[in-house]
Amino acid sequence: MSDETCNGRITVKLDDLLHERRMTLTELAERVGLTLANLSILKTGKAKAIRFSTLEAICRELECQPGDVLGYQTFQELTKD
């Protein structure tokens, strides 16, 4: 990868939101109309994309903003530790 493609990555913070709201991934999947498998792919950060309609449904059910679900880590933050 070049330096241009290695500057950071998008992170998904569903685990924290679900824990705070005492909700399971299964319950969220049912509420937003996604399969558990697809929501799990998103939760683990393996998804390549997310539809705005999916993000809207997640935000509606978790009563949060898109920035609460998604974050950005710089390359420097990723290589700390």
C-alpha atoms as a PDB file:
ATOM      1  CA  MET A   1       0.000   0.000   0.000  1.00  0.00           C
ATOM      2  CA  SER A   2       1.155   3.513  -0.697  1.00  0.00           C
ATOM      3  CA  ASP A   3       1.313   6.208   1.957  1.00  0.00           C
ATOM      4  CA  GLU A   4      -1.845   7.717   0.446  1.00  0.00           C
ATOM      5  CA  THR A   5      -3.889   4.571   1.124  1.00  0.00           C
ATOM      6  CA  CYS A   6      -2.387   3.861   4.538  1.00  0.00           C
ATOM      7  CA  ASN A   7      -3.301   7.029   6.429  1.00  0.00           C
ATOM      8  CA  GLY A   8      -5.959   5.503   8.679  1.00  0.00           C
ATOM      9  CA  ARG A   9      -9.171   3.574   8.783  1.00  0.00           C
ATOM     10  CA  ILE A  10     -12.847   3.840   9.619  1.00  0.00           C
ATOM     11  CA  THR A  11     -13.811   2.106  12.852  1.00  0.00           C
ATOM     12  CA  VAL A  12     -17.226   0.791  13.877  1.00  0.00           C
ATOM     13  CA  LYS A  13     -18.291   1.336  17.490  1.00  0.00           C
ATOM     14  CA  LEU A  14     -21.413  -0.842  17.624  1.00  0.00           C
ATOM     15  CA  ASP A  15     -20.159  -2.952  20.544  1.00  0.00           C
ATOM     16  CA  ASP A  16     -19.974   0.060  22.851  1.00  0.00           C
ATOM     17  CA  LEU A  17     -23.365   1.408  21.758  1.00  0.00           C
ATOM     18  CA  LEU A  18     -25.062  -1.951  22.188  1.00  0.00           C
ATOM     19  CA  HIS A  19     -23.514  -2.424  25.616  1.00  0.00           C
ATOM     20  CA  GLU A  20     -24.577   1.063  26.745  1.00  0.00           C
ATOM     21  CA  ARG A  21     -28.146   0.379  25.624  1.00  0.00           C
ATOM     22  CA  ARG A  22     -28.247  -3.192  26.929  1.00  0.00           C
ATOM     23  CA  MET A  23     -29.208  -4.463  23.491  1.00  0.00           C
ATOM     24  CA  THR A  24     -27.978  -7.566  21.692  1.00  0.00           C
ATOM     25  CA  LEU A  25     -26.752  -7.652  18.126  1.00  0.00           C
ATOM     26  CA  THR A  26     -29.621 -10.035  17.368  1.00  0.00           C
ATOM     27  CA  GLU A  27     -32.170  -7.548  18.691  1.00  0.00           C
ATOM     28  CA  LEU A  28     -30.665  -4.712  16.665  1.00  0.00           C
ATOM     29  CA  ALA A  29     -30.628  -6.876  13.525  1.00  0.00           C
ATOM     30  CA  GLU A  30     -34.340  -7.620  13.951  1.00  0.00           C
ATOM     31  CA  ARG A  31     -35.175  -3.950  14.571  1.00  0.00           C
ATOM     32  CA  VAL A  32     -33.305  -2.645  11.518  1.00  0.00           C
ATOM     33  CA  GLY A  33     -34.239  -5.502   9.188  1.00  0.00           C
ATOM     34  CA  LEU A  34     -30.764  -6.864   8.552  1.00  0.00           C
ATOM     35  CA  THR A  35     -29.489 -10.392   8.855  1.00  0.00           C
ATOM     36  CA  LEU A  36     -27.395 -11.115  11.909  1.00  0.00           C
ATOM     37  CA  ALA A  37     -24.550 -12.139   9.581  1.00  0.00           C
ATOM     38  CA  ASN A  38     -24.534  -8.790   7.745  1.00  0.00           C
ATOM     39  CA  LEU A  39     -24.718  -6.777  10.944  1.00  0.00           C
ATOM     40  CA  SER A  40     -21.912  -8.879  12.414  1.00  0.00           C
ATOM     41  CA  ILE A  41     -19.725  -8.091   9.377  1.00  0.00           C
ATOM     42  CA  LEU A  42     -20.333  -4.405   9.999  1.00  0.00           C
ATOM     43  CA  LYS A  43     -19.699  -4.714  13.751  1.00  0.00           C
ATOM     44  CA  THR A  44     -16.363  -6.447  13.275  1.00  0.00           C
ATOM     45  CA  GLY A  45     -15.156  -3.792  10.828  1.00  0.00           C
ATOM     46  CA  LYS A  46     -15.014  -6.187   7.881  1.00  0.00           C
ATOM     47  CA  ALA A  47     -17.660  -4.356   5.837  1.00  0.00           C
ATOM     48  CA  LYS A  48     -16.400  -2.464   2.792  1.00  0.00           C
ATOM     49  CA  ALA A  49     -19.385  -0.085   2.712  1.00  0.00           C
ATOM     50  CA  ILE A  50     -22.594   0.846   4.502  1.00  0.00           C
ATOM     51  CA  ARG A  51     -25.764   2.200   2.939  1.00  0.00           C
ATOM     52  CA  PHE A  52     -27.086   5.445   4.333  1.00  0.00           C
ATOM     53  CA  SER A  53     -30.461   3.746   4.848  1.00  0.00           C
ATOM     54  CA  THR A  54     -28.757   1.128   7.051  1.00  0.00           C
ATOM     55  CA  LEU A  55     -26.872   3.774   9.001  1.00  0.00           C
ATOM     56  CA  GLU A  56     -30.103   5.754   9.428  1.00  0.00           C
ATOM     57  CA  ALA A  57     -31.927   2.671  10.746  1.00  0.00           C
ATOM     58  CA  ILE A  58     -29.111   1.892  13.202  1.00  0.00           C
ATOM     59  CA  CYS A  59     -29.082   5.501  14.429  1.00  0.00           C
ATOM     60  CA  ARG A  60     -32.869   5.477  14.788  1.00  0.00           C
ATOM     61  CA  GLU A  61     -32.884   2.296  16.870  1.00  0.00           C
ATOM     62  CA  LEU A  62     -29.879   3.225  18.999  1.00  0.00           C
ATOM     63  CA  GLU A  63     -30.953   6.866  19.297  1.00  0.00           C
ATOM     64  CA  CYS A  64     -27.566   8.139  18.248  1.00  0.00           C
ATOM     65  CA  GLN A  65     -25.747  10.072  15.543  1.00  0.00           C
ATOM     66  CA  PRO A  66     -23.689   8.559  12.676  1.00  0.00           C
ATOM     67  CA  GLY A  67     -20.507   9.744  14.420  1.00  0.00           C
ATOM     68  CA  ASP A  68     -21.461   7.611  17.419  1.00  0.00           C
ATOM     69  CA  VAL A  69     -21.473   4.518  15.178  1.00  0.00           C
ATOM     70  CA  LEU A  70     -18.445   5.292  13.001  1.00  0.00           C
ATOM     71  CA  GLY A  71     -15.051   6.718  13.889  1.00  0.00           C
ATOM     72  CA  TYR A  72     -11.732   7.369  12.206  1.00  0.00           C
ATOM     73  CA  GLN A  73      -8.324   6.294  13.453  1.00  0.00           C
ATOM     74  CA  THR A  74      -5.184   7.792  11.951  1.00  0.00           C
ATOM     75  CA  PHE A  75      -2.234   5.619  11.022  1.00  0.00           C
ATOM     76  CA  GLN A  76      -0.364   7.005  14.047  1.00  0.00           C
ATOM     77  CA  GLU A  77      -3.198   5.956  16.382  1.00  0.00           C
ATOM     78  CA  LEU A  78      -3.281   2.506  14.814  1.00  0.00           C
ATOM     79  CA  THR A  79       0.445   1.966  15.330  1.00  0.00           C
ATOM     80  CA  LYS A  80       0.558   3.127  18.968  1.00  0.00           C
ATOM     81  CA  ASP A  81       1.227   0.372  21.500  1.00  0.00           C
END
